[in-house]
Amino acid sequence: MSQIRLRFAPSPTGYLHVGGARTALFNWLLARKEQGKFILRIEDTDVARSTQESVDAILEGMAWLGLDWDEGPFYQSDNFPLYKQYVQKLLDAGKAYKCYCSAEELEAKREKAMKEGGKPKYDGTCRNLPPQPDDGRPYVVRFKAPQEGSTSWNDLIKGTISFENAELDDLIIQRTDGTPTYNFVVVIDDATMNITTVIRGDDHVNNTPRQILLYEALEVPVPSFAHVPMILGADKARLSKRHGATSVMAYRDMGFLPEAMVNYLVRLGWSYGDEEIFGLQDLIQKFSIESVGRSASVFNPDKLLWLNAHYIKNGDPVRLAGLVTPFLKDRGVDPAGGPDLVAVVKTLQERAKTMLELADGAVFYYKDDFDYDESGVAKAFKPETPSLLEALLAKLDSLESFSMESIEGLFKGFCEEKGIKLGQIGPAVRLALSGTTASPGIYEMILVLGKGETRKRVERALARLGK
């Protein structure tokens, strides 16, 4: 069996969309699983709308998700001479023809057909014209599609799909300005790149019979097709900006991890028993295109958030420290000038759902000019609190070894000695160190901040709140 070759072929007219990223992921996984090749092709024939900025955004999104490609990126705009050759080849073989009908004439034909209850398809006026002299009249080139029989294929996701050829149009393959059309260039690219399997969104199903007829006319192998169902918003409409972010990189900026995004995207339509958590290597082994469901998937931000929290909680603190640094800098914090960031992350990753939450939670470690949460102050600062805090500081100063165990032991001993429960001193310490009562564990904070900084913060709280 020949090597499987798959491609992802985005149009560079915007960012990498969630739906496009999932299509890329399915192609990448199958290529890796079958030890095939994954090819990146930029479909930039729409010169007016294609931008380098969009190309860069797509490449950045792919790199962030970890979807590396084996060949490319190839650009359709580099291939115009090749497409022209293939148009000529079909003309020479009598499989395509020049159509001189004007846009106005075509519109009139369309309206007439609709009025008469017919299909608004081209009526074949120029289909059998004898060769015309090249007298400067504008023309398009149309593919001469068969008018009898049917075109069908066995879709790897949807099963057998069939179209009556009589329903299909004589497709325009070259416009009046000499540029080729989408459906034509896709076929030429896939044929010349030896693509064996095409996985794409099911908004392309109607293009597939036309493309199969082109492969057959060119006498090249027809690839296998798999059409992936749409991604919908919660209201069951196609996912769009009104449902929230649709760009993959927007999720990075919102503090999501790439592994959470990959795990989430693959589960939009694909499943493996009851398993929910999948790493990339795990997915390569388990993925199969036949296990992708036939119905549309609904994008659920809460599920993505749940996965993200899982990956932060179980993530490598060193890596998370590197990833959270830009978010801290956005908040005016330079982590180089304070406690060890890896130690800080360890105190926060249990509870943070996003990197933004992780960054917000870390700020107090580096900035001691915070305000105190008023409702927390009312509950935590009682008349006896200042003297308890002062006594606690004296104990802390005399602590010889400084570890989680020794700090915990100090608090236990202190509470026994004073005949109080931890709840009578703990919230006040927490408030003094972080400004809030919803912070990491007290012992962890003291360990990360160190003796000197802990003392400084408790003294500041006493000066501000002890009155």
Protein backbone atom coordinates (compact mmCIF):
# COMPACT_ATOMS: atom_id res chain seq x y z
CA MET A 1 0.00 0.00 0.00
CA SER A 2 1.34 3.45 -0.88
CA GLN A 3 2.07 5.98 1.86
CA ILE A 4 -0.90 8.01 3.07
CA ARG A 5 -0.60 11.73 2.23
CA LEU A 6 -2.90 14.30 3.84
CA ARG A 7 -3.10 18.06 3.69
CA PHE A 8 -4.49 21.04 5.54
CA ALA A 9 -5.30 23.84 3.12
CA PRO A 10 -6.52 27.05 4.81
CA SER A 11 -7.32 30.31 2.98
CA PRO A 12 -5.27 33.18 4.42
CA THR A 13 -8.16 35.60 4.83
CA GLY A 14 -8.15 35.65 8.66
CA TYR A 15 -6.87 33.86 11.75
CA LEU A 16 -6.82 30.10 12.37
CA HIS A 17 -10.47 29.36 13.20
CA VAL A 18 -11.46 26.72 15.77
CA GLY A 19 -13.10 24.64 13.01
CA GLY A 20 -10.02 24.88 10.79
CA ALA A 21 -7.78 23.91 13.70
CA ARG A 22 -9.87 20.78 14.32
CA THR A 23 -9.66 19.84 10.61
CA ALA A 24 -5.88 20.34 10.72
CA LEU A 25 -5.69 18.21 13.89
CA PHE A 26 -7.66 15.30 12.35
CA ASN A 27 -5.38 15.34 9.27
CA TRP A 28 -2.24 15.58 11.40
CA LEU A 29 -3.31 12.73 13.70
CA LEU A 30 -4.09 10.38 10.83
CA ALA A 31 -0.79 11.20 9.11
CA ARG A 32 1.16 10.53 12.33
CA LYS A 33 -0.79 7.35 13.13
CA GLU A 34 -0.28 5.86 9.65
CA GLN A 35 3.33 7.16 9.40
CA GLY A 36 2.27 9.20 6.39
CA LYS A 37 2.95 12.79 5.36
CA PHE A 38 1.12 15.93 6.52
CA ILE A 39 1.29 18.77 3.99
CA LEU A 40 0.45 22.42 4.59
CA ARG A 41 -0.92 24.32 1.59
CA ILE A 42 -2.00 27.95 1.65
CA GLU A 43 -4.97 28.49 -0.69
CA ASP A 44 -4.32 32.11 -1.62
CA THR A 45 -5.87 32.27 -5.10
CA ASP A 46 -8.23 34.97 -3.81
CA VAL A 47 -5.44 37.51 -4.13
CA ALA A 48 -7.62 40.46 -3.06
CA ARG A 49 -8.49 38.91 0.34
CA SER A 50 -5.31 36.96 1.10
CA THR A 51 -2.79 38.65 3.40
CA GLN A 52 0.65 37.79 4.74
CA GLU A 53 -0.66 38.72 8.20
CA SER A 54 -3.25 35.93 7.92
CA VAL A 55 -0.62 33.45 6.71
CA ASP A 56 1.51 34.30 9.77
CA ALA A 57 -1.52 33.95 12.08
CA ILE A 58 -2.30 30.49 10.66
CA LEU A 59 1.32 29.30 10.98
CA GLU A 60 1.49 30.68 14.53
CA GLY A 61 -1.74 28.88 15.48
CA MET A 62 -0.50 25.57 14.05
CA ALA A 63 2.84 25.90 15.85
CA TRP A 64 1.11 26.75 19.15
CA LEU A 65 -1.04 23.61 18.90
CA GLY A 66 2.05 21.50 18.10
CA LEU A 67 0.85 20.52 14.61
CA ASP A 68 4.10 20.36 12.63
CA TRP A 69 4.00 19.72 8.88
CA ASP A 70 6.28 17.53 6.75
CA GLU A 71 6.05 19.49 3.49
CA GLY A 72 5.16 23.11 2.71
CA PRO A 73 3.81 25.59 3.26
CA PHE A 74 3.01 25.60 -0.48
CA TYR A 75 1.22 28.61 -1.97
CA GLN A 76 -1.38 28.25 -4.71
CA SER A 77 -0.44 31.68 -6.04
CA ASP A 78 2.95 30.19 -7.09
CA ASN A 79 1.15 27.68 -9.32
CA PHE A 80 -0.79 29.84 -11.81
CA PRO A 81 1.29 28.66 -14.82
CA LEU A 82 0.58 25.02 -13.85
CA TYR A 83 -3.17 25.63 -13.61
CA LYS A 84 -3.14 27.29 -17.06
CA GLN A 85 -1.47 24.17 -18.53
CA TYR A 86 -4.19 21.94 -17.11
CA VAL A 87 -6.99 24.21 -18.39
CA GLN A 88 -5.40 23.96 -21.87
CA LYS A 89 -5.09 20.19 -21.50
CA LEU A 90 -8.85 19.88 -20.89
CA LEU A 91 -9.63 22.27 -23.78
CA ASP A 92 -7.40 20.27 -26.15
CA ALA A 93 -9.07 17.01 -25.10
CA GLY A 94 -12.56 18.45 -25.72
CA LYS A 95 -13.35 18.10 -22.02
CA ALA A 96 -13.70 21.86 -21.50
CA TYR A 97 -15.00 24.71 -23.64
CA LYS A 98 -14.98 28.48 -23.90
CA CYS A 99 -18.23 30.12 -22.82
CA TYR A 100 -18.95 33.62 -24.18
CA CYS A 101 -22.22 34.25 -22.29
CA SER A 102 -22.14 37.60 -20.45
CA ALA A 103 -22.99 38.00 -16.78
CA GLU A 104 -26.29 39.68 -17.78
CA GLU A 105 -27.22 36.81 -20.11
CA LEU A 106 -26.42 34.25 -17.41
CA GLU A 107 -28.56 36.14 -14.88
CA ALA A 108 -31.48 36.23 -17.35
CA LYS A 109 -31.13 32.45 -18.00
CA ARG A 110 -31.08 31.83 -14.24
CA GLU A 111 -34.23 33.87 -13.65
CA LYS A 112 -36.04 32.17 -16.55
CA ALA A 113 -35.13 28.71 -15.24
CA MET A 114 -36.33 29.63 -11.72
CA LYS A 115 -39.64 31.01 -13.08
CA GLU A 116 -40.22 27.78 -14.97
CA GLY A 117 -39.55 25.75 -11.83
CA GLY A 118 -36.20 24.45 -13.09
CA LYS A 119 -32.70 24.42 -11.52
CA PRO A 120 -30.80 27.71 -11.87
CA LYS A 121 -27.91 25.96 -13.67
CA TYR A 122 -26.09 26.85 -16.87
CA ASP A 123 -28.13 25.80 -19.90
CA GLY A 124 -25.16 24.76 -22.06
CA THR A 125 -25.53 27.50 -24.73
CA CYS A 126 -21.80 27.40 -25.60
CA ARG A 127 -21.23 23.71 -24.82
CA ASN A 128 -21.19 22.51 -28.43
CA LEU A 129 -20.11 25.68 -30.25
CA PRO A 130 -17.53 25.10 -32.99
CA PRO A 131 -14.09 26.61 -32.17
CA GLN A 132 -14.37 30.43 -32.24
CA PRO A 133 -11.82 32.90 -33.62
CA ASP A 134 -9.92 34.72 -30.85
CA ASP A 135 -11.47 38.14 -31.51
CA GLY A 136 -10.99 39.69 -28.08
CA ARG A 137 -14.43 38.72 -26.77
CA PRO A 138 -14.26 37.86 -23.04
CA TYR A 139 -14.92 34.24 -22.15
CA VAL A 140 -14.74 31.83 -19.23
CA VAL A 141 -13.64 28.22 -19.58
CA ARG A 142 -16.19 25.63 -18.43
CA PHE A 143 -15.66 21.96 -17.68
CA LYS A 144 -17.85 19.73 -19.87
CA ALA A 145 -19.47 17.60 -17.16
CA PRO A 146 -21.25 14.34 -18.06
CA GLN A 147 -25.02 14.84 -18.19
CA GLU A 148 -26.08 11.24 -17.53
CA GLY A 149 -25.44 8.83 -14.69
CA SER A 150 -24.36 9.67 -11.16
CA THR A 151 -21.20 10.43 -9.20
CA SER A 152 -20.78 8.77 -5.82
CA TRP A 153 -18.09 8.05 -3.27
CA ASN A 154 -17.78 6.19 0.00
CA ASP A 155 -17.21 8.96 2.54
CA LEU A 156 -15.01 7.77 5.44
CA ILE A 157 -17.32 9.55 7.91
CA LYS A 158 -20.72 9.83 6.23
CA GLY A 159 -20.85 6.58 4.22
CA THR A 160 -21.98 6.47 0.58
CA ILE A 161 -22.94 9.82 -0.94
CA SER A 162 -24.33 10.08 -4.48
CA PHE A 163 -25.26 12.95 -6.83
CA GLU A 164 -27.10 12.75 -10.15
CA ASN A 165 -24.86 14.23 -12.84
CA ALA A 166 -27.88 15.96 -14.39
CA GLU A 167 -28.04 18.11 -11.21
CA LEU A 168 -24.46 19.34 -11.62
CA ASP A 169 -23.38 22.39 -13.58
CA ASP A 170 -20.72 22.82 -16.25
CA LEU A 171 -18.30 24.26 -13.69
CA ILE A 172 -16.33 27.40 -14.57
CA ILE A 173 -12.65 26.44 -14.24
CA GLN A 174 -11.12 29.72 -15.50
CA ARG A 175 -12.58 33.23 -15.13
CA THR A 176 -12.64 35.93 -17.82
CA ASP A 177 -9.46 37.48 -16.33
CA GLY A 178 -7.62 34.17 -16.86
CA THR A 179 -7.49 33.21 -13.16
CA PRO A 180 -8.50 29.65 -12.22
CA THR A 181 -11.38 28.87 -9.83
CA TYR A 182 -11.24 27.22 -6.42
CA ASN A 183 -12.77 23.85 -7.31
CA PHE A 184 -10.34 23.44 -10.20
CA VAL A 185 -7.10 24.43 -8.43
CA VAL A 186 -7.89 22.18 -5.44
CA VAL A 187 -8.06 19.19 -7.77
CA ILE A 188 -4.82 20.10 -9.57
CA ASP A 189 -3.01 20.63 -6.25
CA ASP A 190 -4.26 17.43 -4.67
CA ALA A 191 -3.41 15.47 -7.84
CA THR A 192 0.10 16.93 -8.27
CA MET A 193 0.86 16.59 -4.54
CA ASN A 194 -0.33 12.94 -4.61
CA ILE A 195 -2.81 13.53 -1.80
CA THR A 196 -4.41 10.17 -0.95
CA THR A 197 -7.00 11.28 1.63
CA VAL A 198 -8.91 14.55 1.90
CA ILE A 199 -10.36 15.36 5.35
CA ARG A 200 -12.30 18.62 5.32
CA GLY A 201 -15.45 20.31 6.62
CA ASP A 202 -18.80 19.03 5.39
CA ASP A 203 -19.56 22.43 3.85
CA HIS A 204 -17.48 20.98 0.96
CA VAL A 205 -19.75 17.98 0.31
CA ASN A 206 -21.42 19.72 -2.66
CA ASN A 207 -18.01 20.46 -4.23
CA THR A 208 -16.89 16.83 -4.05
CA PRO A 209 -18.87 15.34 -7.01
CA ARG A 210 -17.65 18.16 -9.29
CA GLN A 211 -14.08 17.57 -8.13
CA ILE A 212 -14.35 13.78 -8.63
CA LEU A 213 -15.48 14.38 -12.24
CA LEU A 214 -12.42 16.60 -12.76
CA TYR A 215 -10.04 13.91 -11.40
CA GLU A 216 -11.64 11.42 -13.76
CA ALA A 217 -11.42 13.78 -16.73
CA LEU A 218 -7.71 14.35 -15.98
CA GLU A 219 -7.25 10.56 -15.62
CA VAL A 220 -5.58 10.85 -12.20
CA PRO A 221 -6.36 8.80 -9.03
CA VAL A 222 -9.34 10.03 -7.00
CA PRO A 223 -8.45 10.44 -3.29
CA SER A 224 -10.58 9.13 -0.42
CA PHE A 225 -12.83 11.77 1.17
CA ALA A 226 -13.93 12.34 4.77
CA HIS A 227 -16.29 15.24 5.51
CA VAL A 228 -16.21 16.40 9.13
CA PRO A 229 -19.47 17.81 10.55
CA MET A 230 -19.73 21.48 11.52
CA ILE A 231 -19.06 22.97 14.95
CA LEU A 232 -22.11 24.79 16.32
CA GLY A 233 -22.66 27.33 19.07
CA ALA A 234 -24.92 26.60 22.06
CA ASP A 235 -27.93 27.86 20.04
CA LYS A 236 -27.19 25.22 17.36
CA ALA A 237 -26.22 27.89 14.81
CA ARG A 238 -22.85 27.63 13.07
CA LEU A 239 -20.06 28.73 15.43
CA SER A 240 -19.35 32.43 14.92
CA LYS A 241 -17.98 35.45 16.77
CA ARG A 242 -21.29 36.06 18.54
CA HIS A 243 -20.74 32.78 20.44
CA GLY A 244 -17.42 34.12 21.79
CA ALA A 245 -13.86 33.71 20.51
CA THR A 246 -13.48 31.60 17.36
CA SER A 247 -9.76 32.20 16.82
CA VAL A 248 -7.38 29.64 18.26
CA MET A 249 -4.85 32.29 19.30
CA ALA A 250 -7.54 34.25 21.15
CA TYR A 251 -7.75 31.24 23.47
CA ARG A 252 -4.01 31.40 24.10
CA ASP A 253 -4.40 35.09 25.00
CA MET A 254 -7.30 34.16 27.30
CA GLY A 255 -4.93 31.89 29.20
CA PHE A 256 -5.69 28.46 27.73
CA LEU A 257 -2.97 25.84 27.28
CA PRO A 258 -2.41 24.26 23.84
CA GLU A 259 -2.81 20.74 25.23
CA ALA A 260 -6.25 21.66 26.62
CA MET A 261 -7.24 23.10 23.23
CA VAL A 262 -6.03 20.01 21.34
CA ASN A 263 -7.78 17.68 23.79
CA TYR A 264 -10.97 19.72 23.50
CA LEU A 265 -10.94 20.00 19.69
CA VAL A 266 -10.41 16.29 19.12
CA ARG A 267 -13.37 15.48 21.36
CA LEU A 268 -15.62 17.70 19.20
CA GLY A 269 -16.91 14.83 17.11
CA TRP A 270 -14.48 12.03 17.98
CA SER A 271 -14.63 9.70 20.98
CA TYR A 272 -12.79 6.73 22.43
CA GLY A 273 -14.99 4.92 24.92
CA ASP A 274 -15.61 7.10 27.95
CA GLU A 275 -12.12 8.62 28.01
CA GLU A 276 -11.91 12.40 28.27
CA ILE A 277 -8.22 13.20 28.80
CA PHE A 278 -5.85 12.65 25.87
CA GLY A 279 -2.27 13.77 25.29
CA LEU A 280 -0.94 14.10 21.72
CA GLN A 281 1.00 10.82 21.73
CA ASP A 282 -1.99 9.04 23.23
CA LEU A 283 -4.21 10.47 20.48
CA ILE A 284 -1.89 9.33 17.71
CA GLN A 285 -2.35 5.72 18.85
CA LYS A 286 -6.10 5.90 19.42
CA PHE A 287 -7.40 8.17 16.66
CA SER A 288 -9.29 6.84 13.68
CA ILE A 289 -11.25 8.88 11.13
CA GLU A 290 -14.01 6.24 11.06
CA SER A 291 -14.73 7.00 14.75
CA VAL A 292 -15.64 10.62 13.96
CA GLY A 293 -19.40 11.08 14.41
CA ARG A 294 -21.74 12.11 11.60
CA SER A 295 -23.62 14.81 13.49
CA ALA A 296 -22.52 18.36 14.28
CA SER A 297 -20.76 19.13 17.59
CA VAL A 298 -21.68 21.92 19.98
CA PHE A 299 -18.82 24.09 21.28
CA ASN A 300 -19.01 24.13 25.07
CA PRO A 301 -16.70 26.72 26.70
CA ASP A 302 -17.27 25.21 30.18
CA LYS A 303 -15.89 21.86 29.04
CA LEU A 304 -12.82 23.58 27.60
CA LEU A 305 -12.35 25.45 30.89
CA TRP A 306 -12.63 22.16 32.84
CA LEU A 307 -9.93 20.58 30.66
CA ASN A 308 -7.72 23.66 31.00
CA ALA A 309 -7.99 23.55 34.79
CA HIS A 310 -7.03 19.85 34.66
CA TYR A 311 -3.90 20.58 32.60
CA ILE A 312 -2.84 23.51 34.80
CA LYS A 313 -3.35 21.46 37.97
CA ASN A 314 -1.28 18.57 36.60
CA GLY A 315 1.18 20.70 34.63
CA ASP A 316 4.95 21.03 35.08
CA PRO A 317 5.41 24.11 37.32
CA VAL A 318 8.63 25.08 35.51
CA ARG A 319 6.83 25.18 32.14
CA LEU A 320 3.82 27.00 33.65
CA ALA A 321 6.17 29.59 35.18
CA GLY A 322 7.56 30.30 31.70
CA LEU A 323 4.06 30.54 30.19
CA VAL A 324 2.67 32.81 32.92
CA THR A 325 5.56 35.31 32.77
CA PRO A 326 4.15 37.39 29.83
CA PHE A 327 0.78 37.59 31.62
CA LEU A 328 2.54 38.84 34.76
CA LYS A 329 4.45 41.44 32.75
CA ASP A 330 1.08 42.65 31.37
CA ARG A 331 0.16 43.25 35.02
CA GLY A 332 3.31 45.29 35.65
CA VAL A 333 5.07 42.47 37.51
CA ASP A 334 8.66 41.41 36.86
CA PRO A 335 8.97 38.03 38.55
CA ALA A 336 12.76 38.30 38.58
CA GLY A 337 12.47 40.77 41.45
CA GLY A 338 10.69 38.58 43.97
CA PRO A 339 10.06 35.03 45.18
CA ASP A 340 10.91 32.06 42.97
CA LEU A 341 8.18 31.91 40.31
CA VAL A 342 8.16 28.10 40.14
CA ALA A 343 7.47 27.96 43.89
CA VAL A 344 4.74 30.60 43.44
CA VAL A 345 3.08 28.57 40.63
CA LYS A 346 3.05 25.46 42.82
CA THR A 347 0.93 27.30 45.40
CA LEU A 348 -1.61 28.42 42.77
CA GLN A 349 -1.95 25.72 40.11
CA GLU A 350 -4.34 23.60 42.18
CA ARG A 351 -7.08 26.22 41.85
CA ALA A 352 -6.39 28.25 38.69
CA LYS A 353 -8.59 27.53 35.67
CA THR A 354 -6.64 29.72 33.22
CA MET A 355 -3.21 31.31 32.97
CA LEU A 356 -4.93 34.68 33.52
CA GLU A 357 -6.22 33.43 36.87
CA LEU A 358 -2.77 32.06 37.65
CA ALA A 359 -1.22 35.47 36.86
CA ASP A 360 -3.86 37.37 38.85
CA GLY A 361 -3.30 35.02 41.78
CA ALA A 362 0.48 35.52 41.67
CA VAL A 363 0.53 39.33 41.70
CA PHE A 364 0.39 39.67 45.51
CA TYR A 365 3.65 37.72 45.87
CA TYR A 366 5.48 40.47 43.97
CA LYS A 367 3.53 43.61 44.94
CA ASP A 368 2.97 44.36 48.62
CA ASP A 369 0.98 47.59 48.13
CA PHE A 370 -2.37 45.80 47.86
CA ASP A 371 -5.60 46.88 49.55
CA TYR A 372 -7.30 44.59 52.05
CA ASP A 373 -10.61 42.91 51.30
CA GLU A 374 -13.07 44.81 53.53
CA SER A 375 -15.46 41.98 54.33
CA GLY A 376 -12.41 39.82 55.15
CA VAL A 377 -11.10 42.49 57.51
CA ALA A 378 -14.43 42.69 59.34
CA LYS A 379 -14.39 38.93 59.93
CA ALA A 380 -10.69 38.35 60.55
CA PHE A 381 -9.61 41.36 62.64
CA LYS A 382 -11.00 41.19 66.15
CA PRO A 383 -9.81 43.25 69.15
CA GLU A 384 -7.47 40.43 70.27
CA THR A 385 -6.00 39.88 66.76
CA PRO A 386 -3.08 42.42 66.90
CA SER A 387 -1.57 40.95 70.08
CA LEU A 388 -1.91 37.40 68.68
CA LEU A 389 -0.16 38.42 65.45
CA GLU A 390 2.69 40.08 67.37
CA ALA A 391 3.17 36.95 69.49
CA LEU A 392 3.12 34.83 66.32
CA LEU A 393 5.83 36.99 64.71
CA ALA A 394 8.07 36.50 67.75
CA LYS A 395 7.68 32.70 67.35
CA LEU A 396 8.40 32.94 63.64
CA ASP A 397 11.63 34.89 64.28
CA SER A 398 12.89 32.12 66.57
CA LEU A 399 12.16 29.35 64.05
CA GLU A 400 15.47 27.68 63.19
CA SER A 401 14.64 25.43 60.27
CA PHE A 402 12.28 26.92 57.65
CA SER A 403 10.12 24.27 55.95
CA MET A 404 6.43 23.42 55.46
CA GLU A 405 6.64 21.01 58.40
CA SER A 406 8.28 23.48 60.77
CA ILE A 407 5.86 26.29 59.84
CA GLU A 408 2.87 23.99 60.33
CA GLY A 409 4.33 22.78 63.65
CA LEU A 410 4.81 26.40 64.78
CA PHE A 411 1.12 27.23 64.11
CA LYS A 412 -0.13 24.08 65.87
CA GLY A 413 2.05 24.79 68.93
CA PHE A 414 1.02 28.45 68.97
CA CYS A 415 -2.71 27.63 68.87
CA GLU A 416 -2.34 25.08 71.69
CA GLU A 417 -0.37 27.51 73.83
CA LYS A 418 -2.92 30.31 73.33
CA GLY A 419 -5.92 27.98 73.59
CA ILE A 420 -7.32 29.06 70.22
CA LYS A 421 -8.34 27.34 67.02
CA LEU A 422 -6.48 27.98 63.74
CA GLY A 423 -9.64 29.75 62.46
CA GLN A 424 -9.06 32.51 65.06
CA ILE A 425 -5.67 33.53 63.65
CA GLY A 426 -5.37 31.95 60.17
CA PRO A 427 -7.68 34.33 58.24
CA ALA A 428 -5.88 37.37 59.70
CA VAL A 429 -2.48 36.00 58.61
CA ARG A 430 -3.85 35.17 55.16
CA LEU A 431 -5.26 38.71 54.84
CA ALA A 432 -2.00 40.29 55.98
CA LEU A 433 0.05 38.30 53.43
CA SER A 434 -2.22 38.54 50.40
CA GLY A 435 -4.92 41.16 50.98
CA THR A 436 -7.66 38.53 50.62
CA THR A 437 -9.04 35.54 52.50
CA ALA A 438 -9.22 33.41 49.31
CA SER A 439 -5.51 32.84 48.81
CA PRO A 440 -3.24 29.76 48.72
CA GLY A 441 -2.46 27.89 51.96
CA ILE A 442 -0.97 29.97 54.78
CA TYR A 443 2.06 27.69 55.30
CA GLU A 444 2.82 27.66 51.55
CA MET A 445 2.64 31.46 51.36
CA ILE A 446 4.95 31.95 54.35
CA LEU A 447 7.43 29.45 52.88
CA VAL A 448 7.45 31.19 49.46
CA LEU A 449 7.56 34.75 50.81
CA GLY A 450 10.25 33.96 53.37
CA LYS A 451 10.67 35.10 56.99
CA GLY A 452 11.59 38.73 56.28
CA GLU A 453 8.79 39.45 53.80
CA THR A 454 6.22 37.67 56.01
CA ARG A 455 7.21 39.85 58.97
CA LYS A 456 7.10 43.01 56.83
CA ARG A 457 3.59 42.22 55.58
CA VAL A 458 2.17 41.33 58.98
CA GLU A 459 3.62 44.57 60.41
CA ARG A 460 2.05 46.56 57.55
CA ALA A 461 -1.32 44.95 58.26
CA LEU A 462 -0.98 45.70 61.97
CA ALA A 463 -0.20 49.34 61.22
CA ARG A 464 -3.16 49.63 58.84
CA LEU A 465 -5.75 47.38 60.47
CA GLY A 466 -4.62 46.94 64.08
CA LYS A 467 -6.36 50.15 65.06
